[in-house]
Amino acid sequence: MVLYSVSKGISLDDIRKEKKFVEWDSKFEMGIEKIDSQHKKLVELCDGLYKKIMETRADSSSDWHESMKGALKECADYVLVHFRDEETLMKAAGFPALAEHKRSHEMFTKKVVETVKSFSELSITDAIQFVRFLHEWIFTHIAHEDKLFAKPCRDYISERESLGEPFSF
């Protein structure tokens, strides 16, 4: 992971050529196609949000707050869709720690909503810190909390498929 120093001048070409801020790793796969696909998309959105911040930071002629609104909204909206799908699957599979997992989602959602509401007041440094928070939370959540429901949900999906009643979100 490469993080640019906010105080050092960088060009748009440097940012566009740079490797990804965050990158999907197959070790995070859960073996549930739709959830894995959504996790990959969240990682891509986080990376895109970071690059958008850095591009607007490097382009001093732009109002970075205005140019970030769309990317931030897309990220926030997708998180809600993903959480809904995860929770639907966990509920259907009878995952016993659903309430606890849902609380984790709610706390994360609250932080994102608060940041979106106060976004116009954030400094560029605050915006970068927010993307770092997203990155750390996404990977920690996937690596630990989501792995807890992977096996029971895979088993549930397999059982449904063996009965000729595939699970759909």
N, C-alpha and C. Protein backbone atom coordinates (compact mmCIF):
# COMPACT_ATOMS: atom_id res chain seq x y z
N MET A 1 0.85 -1.16 0.00
CA MET A 1 0.00 0.00 0.00
C MET A 1 0.90 1.23 0.00
N VAL A 2 0.59 2.16 -0.90
CA VAL A 2 1.36 3.38 -1.00
C VAL A 2 0.45 4.54 -0.65
N LEU A 3 0.87 5.35 0.28
CA LEU A 3 0.12 6.55 0.63
C LEU A 3 0.98 7.75 0.31
N TYR A 4 0.44 8.67 -0.44
CA TYR A 4 1.18 9.88 -0.77
C TYR A 4 1.18 10.83 0.41
N SER A 5 2.24 11.56 0.54
CA SER A 5 2.29 12.62 1.53
C SER A 5 1.48 13.79 1.01
N VAL A 6 0.60 14.29 1.83
CA VAL A 6 -0.25 15.40 1.42
C VAL A 6 0.58 16.65 1.17
N SER A 7 1.66 16.81 1.88
CA SER A 7 2.44 18.03 1.77
C SER A 7 3.37 18.03 0.56
N LYS A 8 3.62 16.89 -0.04
CA LYS A 8 4.56 16.86 -1.16
C LYS A 8 3.80 16.95 -2.48
N GLY A 9 4.34 17.67 -3.41
CA GLY A 9 3.70 17.85 -4.70
C GLY A 9 3.81 16.58 -5.54
N ILE A 10 2.70 16.16 -6.10
CA ILE A 10 2.70 15.00 -6.99
C ILE A 10 1.87 15.37 -8.20
N SER A 11 2.18 14.74 -9.30
CA SER A 11 1.44 15.05 -10.52
C SER A 11 0.30 14.05 -10.71
N LEU A 12 -0.68 14.45 -11.53
CA LEU A 12 -1.78 13.55 -11.86
C LEU A 12 -1.25 12.29 -12.55
N ASP A 13 -0.23 12.45 -13.39
CA ASP A 13 0.35 11.27 -14.06
C ASP A 13 0.94 10.29 -13.06
N ASP A 14 1.59 10.83 -12.01
CA ASP A 14 2.14 9.96 -10.96
C ASP A 14 1.04 9.14 -10.31
N ILE A 15 -0.07 9.78 -10.02
CA ILE A 15 -1.19 9.09 -9.36
C ILE A 15 -1.78 8.03 -10.27
N ARG A 16 -1.98 8.38 -11.53
CA ARG A 16 -2.60 7.43 -12.47
C ARG A 16 -1.73 6.21 -12.71
N LYS A 17 -0.41 6.37 -12.65
CA LYS A 17 0.52 5.26 -12.87
C LYS A 17 0.70 4.40 -11.62
N GLU A 18 0.40 4.97 -10.47
CA GLU A 18 0.66 4.30 -9.20
C GLU A 18 -0.17 3.03 -9.06
N LYS A 19 0.40 2.09 -8.35
CA LYS A 19 -0.34 0.87 -8.01
C LYS A 19 -1.54 1.22 -7.16
N LYS A 20 -2.36 0.26 -6.96
CA LYS A 20 -3.57 0.48 -6.18
C LYS A 20 -3.23 0.78 -4.72
N PHE A 21 -4.06 1.62 -4.11
CA PHE A 21 -3.94 1.92 -2.68
C PHE A 21 -4.28 0.67 -1.89
N VAL A 22 -5.37 0.03 -2.28
CA VAL A 22 -5.76 -1.24 -1.68
C VAL A 22 -6.02 -2.22 -2.82
N GLU A 23 -5.73 -3.46 -2.57
CA GLU A 23 -5.88 -4.47 -3.60
C GLU A 23 -6.49 -5.71 -2.99
N TRP A 24 -7.40 -6.32 -3.72
CA TRP A 24 -8.04 -7.55 -3.27
C TRP A 24 -7.00 -8.66 -3.22
N ASP A 25 -7.13 -9.51 -2.24
CA ASP A 25 -6.27 -10.68 -2.10
C ASP A 25 -7.17 -11.88 -1.93
N SER A 26 -6.90 -12.94 -2.64
CA SER A 26 -7.75 -14.13 -2.61
C SER A 26 -7.84 -14.76 -1.21
N LYS A 27 -6.93 -14.42 -0.31
CA LYS A 27 -7.00 -14.97 1.05
C LYS A 27 -8.25 -14.47 1.79
N PHE A 28 -8.88 -13.41 1.25
CA PHE A 28 -10.09 -12.88 1.87
C PHE A 28 -11.36 -13.53 1.32
N GLU A 29 -11.23 -14.40 0.34
CA GLU A 29 -12.40 -15.05 -0.23
C GLU A 29 -13.07 -15.94 0.80
N MET A 30 -14.40 -15.92 0.75
CA MET A 30 -15.19 -16.70 1.69
C MET A 30 -15.80 -17.94 1.06
N GLY A 31 -15.74 -18.03 -0.26
CA GLY A 31 -16.34 -19.16 -0.95
C GLY A 31 -17.83 -18.99 -1.18
N ILE A 32 -18.30 -17.76 -1.07
CA ILE A 32 -19.70 -17.43 -1.37
C ILE A 32 -19.61 -16.39 -2.48
N GLU A 33 -19.93 -16.82 -3.70
CA GLU A 33 -19.65 -16.02 -4.89
C GLU A 33 -20.15 -14.58 -4.79
N LYS A 34 -21.40 -14.39 -4.44
CA LYS A 34 -21.94 -13.03 -4.42
C LYS A 34 -21.27 -12.17 -3.35
N ILE A 35 -21.03 -12.72 -2.18
CA ILE A 35 -20.37 -11.95 -1.11
C ILE A 35 -18.94 -11.63 -1.49
N ASP A 36 -18.23 -12.61 -2.06
CA ASP A 36 -16.85 -12.35 -2.50
C ASP A 36 -16.82 -11.26 -3.57
N SER A 37 -17.76 -11.31 -4.48
CA SER A 37 -17.84 -10.29 -5.53
C SER A 37 -18.11 -8.92 -4.93
N GLN A 38 -18.98 -8.85 -3.95
CA GLN A 38 -19.27 -7.58 -3.30
C GLN A 38 -18.06 -7.07 -2.50
N HIS A 39 -17.36 -7.97 -1.83
CA HIS A 39 -16.16 -7.55 -1.11
C HIS A 39 -15.13 -6.97 -2.07
N LYS A 40 -14.94 -7.62 -3.21
CA LYS A 40 -14.00 -7.10 -4.21
C LYS A 40 -14.42 -5.71 -4.67
N LYS A 41 -15.71 -5.53 -4.90
CA LYS A 41 -16.23 -4.23 -5.33
C LYS A 41 -15.98 -3.16 -4.25
N LEU A 42 -16.18 -3.52 -2.98
CA LEU A 42 -15.90 -2.56 -1.89
C LEU A 42 -14.44 -2.13 -1.89
N VAL A 43 -13.55 -3.09 -2.13
CA VAL A 43 -12.12 -2.78 -2.19
C VAL A 43 -11.84 -1.85 -3.37
N GLU A 44 -12.45 -2.14 -4.52
CA GLU A 44 -12.27 -1.28 -5.70
C GLU A 44 -12.80 0.13 -5.43
N LEU A 45 -13.95 0.23 -4.78
CA LEU A 45 -14.51 1.54 -4.47
C LEU A 45 -13.62 2.33 -3.51
N CYS A 46 -13.06 1.63 -2.53
CA CYS A 46 -12.15 2.28 -1.58
C CYS A 46 -10.91 2.79 -2.31
N ASP A 47 -10.37 1.97 -3.19
CA ASP A 47 -9.21 2.37 -3.98
C ASP A 47 -9.56 3.55 -4.88
N GLY A 48 -10.72 3.50 -5.50
CA GLY A 48 -11.15 4.59 -6.38
C GLY A 48 -11.35 5.88 -5.61
N LEU A 49 -11.89 5.78 -4.41
CA LEU A 49 -12.10 6.96 -3.57
C LEU A 49 -10.77 7.59 -3.21
N TYR A 50 -9.81 6.77 -2.85
CA TYR A 50 -8.48 7.29 -2.52
C TYR A 50 -7.85 7.98 -3.73
N LYS A 51 -7.91 7.32 -4.88
CA LYS A 51 -7.31 7.91 -6.08
C LYS A 51 -8.00 9.21 -6.46
N LYS A 52 -9.31 9.26 -6.28
CA LYS A 52 -10.06 10.47 -6.59
C LYS A 52 -9.62 11.61 -5.66
N ILE A 53 -9.44 11.31 -4.39
CA ILE A 53 -8.95 12.33 -3.45
C ILE A 53 -7.58 12.83 -3.89
N MET A 54 -6.71 11.91 -4.23
CA MET A 54 -5.35 12.30 -4.60
C MET A 54 -5.33 13.07 -5.92
N GLU A 55 -6.18 12.67 -6.88
CA GLU A 55 -6.25 13.40 -8.15
C GLU A 55 -6.73 14.82 -7.92
N THR A 56 -7.76 14.98 -7.12
CA THR A 56 -8.29 16.32 -6.88
C THR A 56 -7.31 17.14 -6.04
N ARG A 57 -6.56 16.48 -5.19
CA ARG A 57 -5.54 17.16 -4.39
C ARG A 57 -4.44 17.70 -5.31
N ALA A 58 -4.07 16.90 -6.30
CA ALA A 58 -3.00 17.30 -7.22
C ALA A 58 -3.47 18.35 -8.23
N ASP A 59 -4.76 18.41 -8.46
CA ASP A 59 -5.33 19.38 -9.40
C ASP A 59 -5.84 20.58 -8.61
N SER A 60 -4.98 21.53 -8.40
CA SER A 60 -5.32 22.67 -7.54
C SER A 60 -6.44 23.54 -8.10
N SER A 61 -6.80 23.35 -9.37
CA SER A 61 -7.86 24.16 -9.95
C SER A 61 -9.25 23.64 -9.61
N SER A 62 -9.34 22.45 -9.03
CA SER A 62 -10.66 21.88 -8.77
C SER A 62 -11.09 22.06 -7.31
N ASP A 63 -12.39 22.06 -7.11
CA ASP A 63 -12.95 22.04 -5.76
C ASP A 63 -13.07 20.56 -5.39
N TRP A 64 -12.14 20.08 -4.61
CA TRP A 64 -12.07 18.64 -4.35
C TRP A 64 -13.31 18.13 -3.63
N HIS A 65 -13.93 18.93 -2.78
CA HIS A 65 -15.15 18.48 -2.10
C HIS A 65 -16.24 18.16 -3.12
N GLU A 66 -16.42 19.05 -4.07
CA GLU A 66 -17.47 18.87 -5.08
C GLU A 66 -17.19 17.65 -5.95
N SER A 67 -15.94 17.48 -6.35
CA SER A 67 -15.61 16.37 -7.24
C SER A 67 -15.65 15.02 -6.52
N MET A 68 -15.61 15.03 -5.20
CA MET A 68 -15.62 13.77 -4.43
C MET A 68 -17.03 13.27 -4.11
N LYS A 69 -18.02 14.13 -4.19
CA LYS A 69 -19.37 13.76 -3.75
C LYS A 69 -19.87 12.47 -4.39
N GLY A 70 -19.73 12.35 -5.70
CA GLY A 70 -20.24 11.17 -6.41
C GLY A 70 -19.55 9.89 -5.96
N ALA A 71 -18.23 9.93 -5.86
CA ALA A 71 -17.46 8.74 -5.46
C ALA A 71 -17.81 8.32 -4.04
N LEU A 72 -17.95 9.29 -3.15
CA LEU A 72 -18.28 9.00 -1.76
C LEU A 72 -19.69 8.42 -1.65
N LYS A 73 -20.63 8.98 -2.39
CA LYS A 73 -22.00 8.49 -2.36
C LYS A 73 -22.08 7.07 -2.91
N GLU A 74 -21.37 6.81 -4.00
CA GLU A 74 -21.37 5.46 -4.57
C GLU A 74 -20.85 4.44 -3.56
N CYS A 75 -19.79 4.79 -2.87
CA CYS A 75 -19.20 3.91 -1.86
C CYS A 75 -20.19 3.66 -0.72
N ALA A 76 -20.77 4.72 -0.20
CA ALA A 76 -21.71 4.61 0.92
C ALA A 76 -22.95 3.79 0.53
N ASP A 77 -23.48 4.04 -0.66
CA ASP A 77 -24.67 3.30 -1.13
C ASP A 77 -24.36 1.81 -1.29
N TYR A 78 -23.18 1.51 -1.83
CA TYR A 78 -22.84 0.10 -2.06
C TYR A 78 -22.65 -0.65 -0.75
N VAL A 79 -22.09 0.01 0.24
CA VAL A 79 -21.92 -0.62 1.56
C VAL A 79 -23.28 -1.06 2.10
N LEU A 80 -24.29 -0.21 1.96
CA LEU A 80 -25.63 -0.55 2.46
C LEU A 80 -26.21 -1.77 1.75
N VAL A 81 -26.03 -1.85 0.44
CA VAL A 81 -26.50 -3.01 -0.33
C VAL A 81 -25.78 -4.27 0.14
N HIS A 82 -24.49 -4.16 0.30
CA HIS A 82 -23.70 -5.32 0.74
C HIS A 82 -24.12 -5.80 2.13
N PHE A 83 -24.26 -4.88 3.06
CA PHE A 83 -24.67 -5.27 4.41
C PHE A 83 -26.05 -5.94 4.39
N ARG A 84 -26.97 -5.40 3.62
CA ARG A 84 -28.30 -6.00 3.51
C ARG A 84 -28.19 -7.45 3.01
N ASP A 85 -27.38 -7.67 1.99
CA ASP A 85 -27.23 -9.02 1.43
C ASP A 85 -26.58 -9.97 2.42
N GLU A 86 -25.54 -9.53 3.09
CA GLU A 86 -24.89 -10.37 4.10
C GLU A 86 -25.88 -10.76 5.20
N GLU A 87 -26.59 -9.78 5.70
CA GLU A 87 -27.53 -10.03 6.80
C GLU A 87 -28.68 -10.93 6.36
N THR A 88 -29.14 -10.79 5.12
CA THR A 88 -30.19 -11.66 4.58
C THR A 88 -29.71 -13.10 4.56
N LEU A 89 -28.50 -13.32 4.11
CA LEU A 89 -27.93 -14.66 4.06
C LEU A 89 -27.74 -15.24 5.46
N MET A 90 -27.18 -14.44 6.36
CA MET A 90 -26.95 -14.92 7.72
C MET A 90 -28.27 -15.28 8.41
N LYS A 91 -29.29 -14.49 8.19
CA LYS A 91 -30.60 -14.76 8.79
C LYS A 91 -31.18 -16.06 8.23
N ALA A 92 -31.12 -16.21 6.91
CA ALA A 92 -31.64 -17.43 6.27
C ALA A 92 -30.90 -18.67 6.75
N ALA A 93 -29.60 -18.53 6.97
CA ALA A 93 -28.78 -19.67 7.40
C ALA A 93 -28.87 -19.91 8.90
N GLY A 94 -29.56 -19.04 9.62
CA GLY A 94 -29.68 -19.20 11.06
C GLY A 94 -28.38 -18.94 11.81
N PHE A 95 -27.57 -18.03 11.29
CA PHE A 95 -26.29 -17.73 11.92
C PHE A 95 -26.54 -17.15 13.31
N PRO A 96 -26.02 -17.79 14.37
CA PRO A 96 -26.36 -17.38 15.74
C PRO A 96 -25.83 -16.01 16.16
N ALA A 97 -24.77 -15.52 15.52
CA ALA A 97 -24.20 -14.23 15.92
C ALA A 97 -24.65 -13.10 15.00
N LEU A 98 -25.80 -13.26 14.37
CA LEU A 98 -26.31 -12.24 13.45
C LEU A 98 -26.46 -10.89 14.14
N ALA A 99 -27.05 -10.85 15.31
CA ALA A 99 -27.30 -9.58 16.00
C ALA A 99 -25.98 -8.83 16.25
N GLU A 100 -24.98 -9.55 16.68
CA GLU A 100 -23.67 -8.94 16.94
C GLU A 100 -23.05 -8.42 15.65
N HIS A 101 -23.15 -9.23 14.59
CA HIS A 101 -22.59 -8.84 13.30
C HIS A 101 -23.32 -7.61 12.76
N LYS A 102 -24.63 -7.60 12.93
CA LYS A 102 -25.44 -6.48 12.48
C LYS A 102 -25.05 -5.19 13.24
N ARG A 103 -24.76 -5.30 14.53
CA ARG A 103 -24.32 -4.13 15.31
C ARG A 103 -23.01 -3.57 14.75
N SER A 104 -22.13 -4.46 14.35
CA SER A 104 -20.87 -4.01 13.75
C SER A 104 -21.15 -3.23 12.46
N HIS A 105 -22.07 -3.74 11.65
CA HIS A 105 -22.46 -3.04 10.43
C HIS A 105 -23.07 -1.67 10.76
N GLU A 106 -23.91 -1.63 11.79
CA GLU A 106 -24.57 -0.37 12.17
C GLU A 106 -23.56 0.67 12.65
N MET A 107 -22.57 0.25 13.42
CA MET A 107 -21.54 1.18 13.90
C MET A 107 -20.74 1.75 12.73
N PHE A 108 -20.39 0.87 11.79
CA PHE A 108 -19.65 1.31 10.61
C PHE A 108 -20.51 2.28 9.79
N THR A 109 -21.76 1.93 9.58
CA THR A 109 -22.67 2.77 8.80
C THR A 109 -22.81 4.15 9.45
N LYS A 110 -22.90 4.18 10.77
CA LYS A 110 -23.01 5.45 11.50
C LYS A 110 -21.79 6.33 11.23
N LYS A 111 -20.61 5.74 11.27
CA LYS A 111 -19.37 6.49 11.01
C LYS A 111 -19.37 7.03 9.58
N VAL A 112 -19.78 6.22 8.63
CA VAL A 112 -19.80 6.65 7.23
C VAL A 112 -20.81 7.78 7.04
N VAL A 113 -22.00 7.63 7.61
CA VAL A 113 -23.04 8.66 7.49
C VAL A 113 -22.57 9.97 8.11
N GLU A 114 -21.94 9.90 9.29
CA GLU A 114 -21.43 11.11 9.93
C GLU A 114 -20.38 11.80 9.05
N THR A 115 -19.53 11.01 8.43
CA THR A 115 -18.49 11.58 7.57
C THR A 115 -19.11 12.20 6.33
N VAL A 116 -20.08 11.52 5.73
CA VAL A 116 -20.74 12.06 4.54
C VAL A 116 -21.43 13.38 4.88
N LYS A 117 -22.09 13.44 6.02
CA LYS A 117 -22.80 14.66 6.42
C LYS A 117 -21.85 15.83 6.64
N SER A 118 -20.68 15.56 7.18
CA SER A 118 -19.73 16.64 7.46
C SER A 118 -18.64 16.75 6.40
N PHE A 119 -18.84 16.11 5.27
CA PHE A 119 -17.79 16.02 4.26
C PHE A 119 -17.31 17.40 3.78
N SER A 120 -18.23 18.33 3.61
CA SER A 120 -17.83 19.64 3.09
C SER A 120 -16.91 20.39 4.06
N GLU A 121 -16.86 19.95 5.30
CA GLU A 121 -16.01 20.59 6.31
C GLU A 121 -14.66 19.89 6.48
N LEU A 122 -14.48 18.75 5.83
CA LEU A 122 -13.24 17.99 6.00
C LEU A 122 -12.07 18.62 5.26
N SER A 123 -10.92 18.49 5.85
CA SER A 123 -9.69 18.86 5.15
C SER A 123 -9.28 17.67 4.28
N ILE A 124 -8.36 17.90 3.39
CA ILE A 124 -7.87 16.80 2.54
C ILE A 124 -7.23 15.71 3.41
N THR A 125 -6.55 16.11 4.48
CA THR A 125 -5.95 15.13 5.39
C THR A 125 -7.02 14.29 6.07
N ASP A 126 -8.12 14.94 6.49
CA ASP A 126 -9.24 14.20 7.09
C ASP A 126 -9.83 13.20 6.09
N ALA A 127 -9.95 13.63 4.83
CA ALA A 127 -10.52 12.75 3.80
C ALA A 127 -9.62 11.53 3.59
N ILE A 128 -8.32 11.73 3.57
CA ILE A 128 -7.39 10.61 3.42
C ILE A 128 -7.48 9.69 4.64
N GLN A 129 -7.58 10.26 5.83
CA GLN A 129 -7.74 9.45 7.04
C GLN A 129 -9.03 8.62 6.99
N PHE A 130 -10.09 9.20 6.43
CA PHE A 130 -11.35 8.47 6.30
C PHE A 130 -11.18 7.28 5.36
N VAL A 131 -10.47 7.47 4.25
CA VAL A 131 -10.24 6.35 3.33
C VAL A 131 -9.38 5.29 3.99
N ARG A 132 -8.42 5.70 4.79
CA ARG A 132 -7.61 4.72 5.55
C ARG A 132 -8.50 3.93 6.51
N PHE A 133 -9.42 4.65 7.18
CA PHE A 133 -10.38 3.99 8.06
C PHE A 133 -11.20 2.97 7.28
N LEU A 134 -11.71 3.35 6.10
CA LEU A 134 -12.48 2.42 5.27
C LEU A 134 -11.65 1.18 4.94
N HIS A 135 -10.44 1.41 4.50
CA HIS A 135 -9.54 0.31 4.14
C HIS A 135 -9.33 -0.65 5.30
N GLU A 136 -8.96 -0.10 6.45
CA GLU A 136 -8.69 -0.95 7.62
C GLU A 136 -9.94 -1.68 8.08
N TRP A 137 -11.07 -0.98 8.10
CA TRP A 137 -12.30 -1.61 8.56
C TRP A 137 -12.73 -2.72 7.60
N ILE A 138 -12.71 -2.45 6.31
CA ILE A 138 -13.14 -3.45 5.32
C ILE A 138 -12.31 -4.72 5.47
N PHE A 139 -10.99 -4.59 5.48
CA PHE A 139 -10.16 -5.79 5.54
C PHE A 139 -10.22 -6.49 6.89
N THR A 140 -10.29 -5.74 7.97
CA THR A 140 -10.42 -6.36 9.29
C THR A 140 -11.75 -7.08 9.41
N HIS A 141 -12.80 -6.43 8.95
CA HIS A 141 -14.14 -7.01 9.02
C HIS A 141 -14.22 -8.30 8.19
N ILE A 142 -13.72 -8.25 6.97
CA ILE A 142 -13.75 -9.43 6.10
C ILE A 142 -12.90 -10.55 6.69
N ALA A 143 -11.69 -10.21 7.11
CA ALA A 143 -10.74 -11.22 7.57
C ALA A 143 -11.17 -11.90 8.86
N HIS A 144 -11.91 -11.19 9.71
CA HIS A 144 -12.26 -11.76 11.00
C HIS A 144 -13.76 -12.03 11.13
N GLU A 145 -14.54 -10.97 11.14
CA GLU A 145 -15.97 -11.13 11.41
C GLU A 145 -16.71 -11.89 10.31
N ASP A 146 -16.44 -11.55 9.06
CA ASP A 146 -17.15 -12.24 7.97
C ASP A 146 -16.73 -13.70 7.85
N LYS A 147 -15.51 -14.01 8.18
CA LYS A 147 -15.05 -15.41 8.11
C LYS A 147 -15.84 -16.29 9.08
N LEU A 148 -16.36 -15.70 10.15
CA LEU A 148 -17.12 -16.47 11.13
C LEU A 148 -18.42 -17.03 10.55
N PHE A 149 -19.04 -16.32 9.63
CA PHE A 149 -20.29 -16.82 9.07
C PHE A 149 -20.10 -17.56 7.74
N ALA A 150 -18.89 -17.58 7.22
CA ALA A 150 -18.65 -18.18 5.91
C ALA A 150 -19.06 -19.65 5.85
N LYS A 151 -18.55 -20.48 6.76
CA LYS A 151 -18.84 -21.91 6.68
C LYS A 151 -20.32 -22.23 6.90
N PRO A 152 -20.96 -21.71 7.95
CA PRO A 152 -22.39 -22.03 8.10
C PRO A 152 -23.23 -21.55 6.91
N CYS A 153 -22.86 -20.44 6.34
CA CYS A 153 -23.63 -19.94 5.19
C CYS A 153 -23.33 -20.75 3.93
N ARG A 154 -22.09 -21.16 3.74
CA ARG A 154 -21.77 -22.04 2.60
C ARG A 154 -22.53 -23.35 2.74
N ASP A 155 -22.55 -23.88 3.95
CA ASP A 155 -23.29 -25.14 4.19
C ASP A 155 -24.77 -24.96 3.89
N TYR A 156 -25.34 -23.85 4.31
CA TYR A 156 -26.75 -23.57 4.06
C TYR A 156 -27.02 -23.47 2.56
N ILE A 157 -26.16 -22.76 1.85
CA ILE A 157 -26.33 -22.61 0.40
C ILE A 157 -26.22 -23.97 -0.28
N SER A 158 -25.25 -24.80 0.12
CA SER A 158 -25.08 -26.14 -0.45
C SER A 158 -26.30 -27.01 -0.19
N GLU A 159 -26.81 -26.94 1.03
CA GLU A 159 -28.01 -27.72 1.39
C GLU A 159 -29.19 -27.32 0.51
N ARG A 160 -29.38 -26.03 0.34
CA ARG A 160 -30.48 -25.53 -0.50
C ARG A 160 -30.32 -26.00 -1.94
N GLU A 161 -29.10 -25.94 -2.43
CA GLU A 161 -28.84 -26.36 -3.81
C GLU A 161 -29.09 -27.86 -3.98
N SER A 162 -28.71 -28.65 -2.97
CA SER A 162 -28.93 -30.11 -3.05
C SER A 162 -30.42 -30.46 -3.06
N LEU A 163 -31.23 -29.55 -2.51
CA LEU A 163 -32.68 -29.76 -2.50
C LEU A 163 -33.34 -29.17 -3.74
N GLY A 164 -32.53 -28.62 -4.62
CA GLY A 164 -33.06 -28.01 -5.83
C GLY A 164 -33.72 -26.65 -5.57
N GLU A 165 -33.36 -26.03 -4.44
CA GLU A 165 -33.92 -24.72 -4.07
C GLU A 165 -32.77 -23.74 -3.80
N PRO A 166 -32.09 -23.31 -4.85
CA PRO A 166 -30.93 -22.43 -4.63
C PRO A 166 -31.31 -21.15 -3.89
N PHE A 167 -30.42 -20.72 -3.02
CA PHE A 167 -30.64 -19.49 -2.27
C PHE A 167 -30.40 -18.31 -3.19
N SER A 168 -31.26 -17.32 -3.10
CA SER A 168 -31.01 -16.07 -3.84
C SER A 168 -31.21 -14.89 -2.90
N PHE A 169 -30.46 -13.87 -3.14
CA PHE A 169 -30.49 -12.68 -2.29
C PHE A 169 -31.67 -11.80 -2.68
